[in-house]
N, C-alpha and C. Protein backbone atom coordinates (compact mmCIF):
# COMPACT_ATOMS: atom_id res chain seq x y z
N HIS A 1 73.19 52.66 87.80
CA HIS A 1 71.95 52.48 88.53
C HIS A 1 70.86 53.20 87.77
N ILE A 2 69.72 52.54 87.63
CA ILE A 2 68.65 53.06 86.79
C ILE A 2 67.31 52.95 87.49
N GLU A 3 66.52 53.98 87.35
CA GLU A 3 65.12 53.97 87.76
C GLU A 3 64.32 54.05 86.47
N VAL A 4 63.71 52.95 86.09
CA VAL A 4 62.93 52.91 84.85
C VAL A 4 61.55 53.47 85.14
N LYS A 5 61.17 54.51 84.39
CA LYS A 5 59.86 55.15 84.58
C LYS A 5 58.80 54.53 83.68
N ASP A 6 59.23 53.98 82.54
CA ASP A 6 58.31 53.39 81.56
C ASP A 6 58.99 52.16 80.96
N ALA A 7 58.61 50.99 81.45
CA ALA A 7 59.28 49.74 81.03
C ALA A 7 59.10 49.48 79.54
N LYS A 8 57.94 49.75 79.01
CA LYS A 8 57.70 49.51 77.59
C LYS A 8 58.57 50.43 76.73
N GLY A 9 58.63 51.71 77.09
CA GLY A 9 59.48 52.66 76.37
C GLY A 9 60.96 52.33 76.52
N TYR A 10 61.35 51.83 77.70
CA TYR A 10 62.74 51.48 77.96
C TYR A 10 63.23 50.37 77.04
N GLU A 11 62.31 49.52 76.59
CA GLU A 11 62.67 48.47 75.63
C GLU A 11 63.23 49.07 74.35
N ASN A 12 62.76 50.25 73.95
CA ASN A 12 63.29 50.93 72.77
C ASN A 12 64.76 51.27 72.96
N TYR A 13 65.11 51.71 74.17
CA TYR A 13 66.51 52.00 74.48
C TYR A 13 67.35 50.73 74.39
N LYS A 14 66.86 49.65 74.97
CA LYS A 14 67.62 48.40 74.97
C LYS A 14 67.90 47.95 73.54
N ARG A 15 66.92 48.06 72.67
CA ARG A 15 67.13 47.69 71.26
C ARG A 15 68.14 48.63 70.60
N ALA A 16 68.00 49.93 70.84
CA ALA A 16 68.88 50.92 70.20
C ALA A 16 70.32 50.82 70.71
N SER A 17 70.50 50.42 71.95
CA SER A 17 71.86 50.36 72.51
C SER A 17 72.57 49.05 72.21
N SER A 18 71.85 48.05 71.75
CA SER A 18 72.47 46.74 71.55
C SER A 18 73.60 46.77 70.51
N LEU A 19 73.43 47.49 69.42
CA LEU A 19 74.47 47.53 68.39
C LEU A 19 75.76 48.20 68.89
N PRO A 20 75.69 49.43 69.44
CA PRO A 20 76.95 50.02 69.90
C PRO A 20 77.59 49.23 71.04
N LEU A 21 76.80 48.69 71.94
CA LEU A 21 77.37 47.89 73.02
C LEU A 21 78.10 46.68 72.46
N SER A 22 77.49 46.01 71.53
CA SER A 22 78.11 44.85 70.90
C SER A 22 79.38 45.25 70.14
N ARG A 23 79.29 46.34 69.41
CA ARG A 23 80.42 46.81 68.59
C ARG A 23 81.67 47.09 69.45
N TYR A 24 81.46 47.55 70.68
CA TYR A 24 82.60 47.90 71.54
C TYR A 24 82.92 46.81 72.56
N GLY A 25 82.38 45.62 72.36
CA GLY A 25 82.76 44.47 73.18
C GLY A 25 82.13 44.40 74.55
N ALA A 26 80.97 45.01 74.73
CA ALA A 26 80.30 45.01 76.04
C ALA A 26 79.83 43.61 76.41
N LYS A 27 79.97 43.32 77.69
CA LYS A 27 79.50 42.04 78.25
C LYS A 27 78.72 42.38 79.52
N PHE A 28 77.45 42.00 79.56
CA PHE A 28 76.63 42.27 80.74
C PHE A 28 77.00 41.31 81.86
N LEU A 29 77.38 41.85 83.01
CA LEU A 29 77.67 41.05 84.19
C LEU A 29 76.48 41.04 85.14
N VAL A 30 75.77 42.16 85.20
CA VAL A 30 74.55 42.29 86.00
C VAL A 30 73.57 43.08 85.15
N ARG A 31 72.35 42.59 85.06
CA ARG A 31 71.33 43.30 84.27
C ARG A 31 70.00 43.22 85.00
N GLY A 32 69.88 44.09 85.99
CA GLY A 32 68.67 44.09 86.81
C GLY A 32 68.72 42.94 87.80
N GLY A 33 67.59 42.45 88.17
CA GLY A 33 67.52 41.35 89.12
C GLY A 33 67.39 41.85 90.54
N PRO A 34 67.08 40.93 91.44
CA PRO A 34 66.90 41.32 92.85
C PRO A 34 68.18 41.92 93.42
N GLN A 35 68.01 42.91 94.26
CA GLN A 35 69.16 43.52 94.95
C GLN A 35 68.74 43.93 96.34
N GLU A 36 69.71 44.00 97.21
CA GLU A 36 69.47 44.42 98.58
C GLU A 36 70.40 45.58 98.88
N ILE A 37 69.86 46.72 99.17
CA ILE A 37 70.65 47.90 99.50
C ILE A 37 70.92 47.88 101.00
N LEU A 38 72.16 47.71 101.38
CA LEU A 38 72.52 47.59 102.79
C LEU A 38 72.89 48.92 103.43
N GLU A 39 73.45 49.83 102.66
CA GLU A 39 73.81 51.15 103.18
C GLU A 39 73.59 52.17 102.08
N GLY A 40 73.28 53.37 102.47
CA GLY A 40 73.11 54.44 101.50
C GLY A 40 71.85 54.26 100.68
N SER A 41 71.89 54.74 99.46
CA SER A 41 70.73 54.65 98.58
C SER A 41 71.16 54.26 97.18
N SER A 42 70.23 53.80 96.42
CA SER A 42 70.48 53.40 95.05
C SER A 42 69.18 53.49 94.28
N LYS A 43 69.24 53.23 93.02
CA LYS A 43 68.04 53.16 92.21
C LYS A 43 67.58 51.70 92.15
N ALA A 44 66.41 51.47 91.63
CA ALA A 44 65.79 50.14 91.68
C ALA A 44 66.51 49.10 90.82
N ARG A 45 67.23 49.53 89.80
CA ARG A 45 67.84 48.59 88.86
C ARG A 45 69.35 48.85 88.79
N THR A 46 70.13 47.79 88.88
CA THR A 46 71.58 47.89 88.73
C THR A 46 71.99 47.14 87.48
N VAL A 47 72.81 47.79 86.66
CA VAL A 47 73.35 47.17 85.46
C VAL A 47 74.86 47.36 85.51
N LEU A 48 75.59 46.28 85.32
CA LEU A 48 77.05 46.33 85.30
C LEU A 48 77.52 45.73 83.98
N ILE A 49 78.23 46.52 83.22
CA ILE A 49 78.70 46.10 81.90
C ILE A 49 80.22 46.13 81.88
N GLU A 50 80.81 45.05 81.44
CA GLU A 50 82.27 44.97 81.31
C GLU A 50 82.64 45.22 79.84
N PHE A 51 83.68 46.04 79.64
CA PHE A 51 84.24 46.29 78.33
C PHE A 51 85.67 45.77 78.32
N PRO A 52 86.23 45.57 77.14
CA PRO A 52 87.61 45.07 77.07
C PRO A 52 88.61 45.97 77.81
N ASP A 53 88.36 47.28 77.79
CA ASP A 53 89.23 48.23 78.49
C ASP A 53 88.48 49.55 78.67
N LEU A 54 89.09 50.46 79.41
CA LEU A 54 88.49 51.75 79.71
C LEU A 54 88.17 52.52 78.43
N ARG A 55 89.09 52.52 77.50
CA ARG A 55 88.91 53.29 76.25
C ARG A 55 87.71 52.78 75.46
N ALA A 56 87.50 51.48 75.42
CA ALA A 56 86.35 50.92 74.70
C ALA A 56 85.05 51.41 75.31
N ALA A 57 84.99 51.47 76.64
CA ALA A 57 83.79 51.98 77.31
C ALA A 57 83.56 53.45 76.97
N GLN A 58 84.62 54.22 76.99
CA GLN A 58 84.51 55.64 76.67
C GLN A 58 84.07 55.86 75.23
N LEU A 59 84.68 55.12 74.31
CA LEU A 59 84.33 55.26 72.90
C LEU A 59 82.90 54.82 72.64
N CYS A 60 82.46 53.78 73.32
CA CYS A 60 81.08 53.33 73.17
C CYS A 60 80.13 54.44 73.59
N TYR A 61 80.33 54.98 74.77
CA TYR A 61 79.45 56.03 75.28
C TYR A 61 79.45 57.24 74.35
N GLN A 62 80.60 57.60 73.82
CA GLN A 62 80.73 58.78 72.97
C GLN A 62 80.27 58.55 71.54
N SER A 63 80.07 57.29 71.15
CA SER A 63 79.70 56.99 69.77
C SER A 63 78.35 57.60 69.41
N GLN A 64 78.21 57.92 68.16
CA GLN A 64 76.96 58.49 67.66
C GLN A 64 75.80 57.53 67.88
N GLU A 65 76.05 56.23 67.68
CA GLU A 65 74.99 55.23 67.87
C GLU A 65 74.51 55.19 69.32
N TYR A 66 75.47 55.21 70.26
CA TYR A 66 75.04 55.16 71.66
C TYR A 66 74.37 56.46 72.08
N GLN A 67 74.84 57.58 71.59
CA GLN A 67 74.21 58.85 71.94
C GLN A 67 72.76 58.90 71.47
N LYS A 68 72.47 58.27 70.34
CA LYS A 68 71.07 58.17 69.88
C LYS A 68 70.27 57.31 70.86
N ALA A 69 70.85 56.21 71.30
CA ALA A 69 70.18 55.34 72.28
C ALA A 69 69.99 56.08 73.60
N GLN A 70 71.00 56.80 74.02
CA GLN A 70 70.92 57.55 75.28
C GLN A 70 69.80 58.59 75.22
N ALA A 71 69.60 59.21 74.07
CA ALA A 71 68.52 60.18 73.91
C ALA A 71 67.16 59.52 74.10
N ILE A 72 67.05 58.26 73.75
CA ILE A 72 65.81 57.50 73.99
C ILE A 72 65.71 57.18 75.48
N ARG A 73 66.82 56.72 76.08
CA ARG A 73 66.81 56.29 77.48
C ARG A 73 66.34 57.39 78.42
N ILE A 74 66.78 58.60 78.21
CA ILE A 74 66.44 59.67 79.15
C ILE A 74 64.95 59.99 79.16
N ASN A 75 64.22 59.56 78.14
CA ASN A 75 62.77 59.74 78.13
C ASN A 75 62.05 58.75 79.02
N TYR A 76 62.68 57.61 79.30
CA TYR A 76 62.01 56.53 80.00
C TYR A 76 62.66 56.13 81.32
N SER A 77 63.76 56.79 81.69
CA SER A 77 64.45 56.40 82.91
C SER A 77 65.31 57.54 83.44
N VAL A 78 65.74 57.37 84.69
CA VAL A 78 66.71 58.27 85.31
C VAL A 78 67.87 57.38 85.71
N ALA A 79 69.09 57.77 85.33
CA ALA A 79 70.23 56.90 85.56
C ALA A 79 71.42 57.64 86.15
N ASP A 80 72.23 56.90 86.89
CA ASP A 80 73.56 57.33 87.29
C ASP A 80 74.50 56.41 86.50
N LEU A 81 75.28 56.98 85.61
CA LEU A 81 76.15 56.18 84.76
C LEU A 81 77.59 56.56 85.06
N VAL A 82 78.40 55.56 85.38
CA VAL A 82 79.80 55.78 85.74
C VAL A 82 80.66 54.80 84.96
N ILE A 83 81.75 55.29 84.41
CA ILE A 83 82.74 54.42 83.76
C ILE A 83 83.92 54.34 84.72
N VAL A 84 84.29 53.12 85.07
CA VAL A 84 85.36 52.88 86.05
C VAL A 84 86.39 51.95 85.42
N GLU A 85 87.67 52.29 85.54
CA GLU A 85 88.70 51.38 85.06
C GLU A 85 88.83 50.21 86.02
N GLY A 86 88.82 49.03 85.45
CA GLY A 86 88.96 47.82 86.25
C GLY A 86 90.43 47.47 86.48
N TYR A 87 90.64 46.28 86.96
CA TYR A 87 92.00 45.85 87.21
C TYR A 87 92.28 44.56 86.48
């Protein structure tokens, strides 16, 4: 879940993160769009990314390339980022 504070600056993150996400097999299932919060709270933007497996997601996040992108992202947004093993 992401709250984008600067949409123009956030585009820099999207460009920087595209290579590591692609390298680790990321597939966007949800990338923003309208949402309805029925209970609790959330941020304005929801992004759901599928990876081939849990380890690929972890390696992507830990990669030097993604960490550079993440350093850009934190300047333009506030996020809750969770890696969850699927079934």
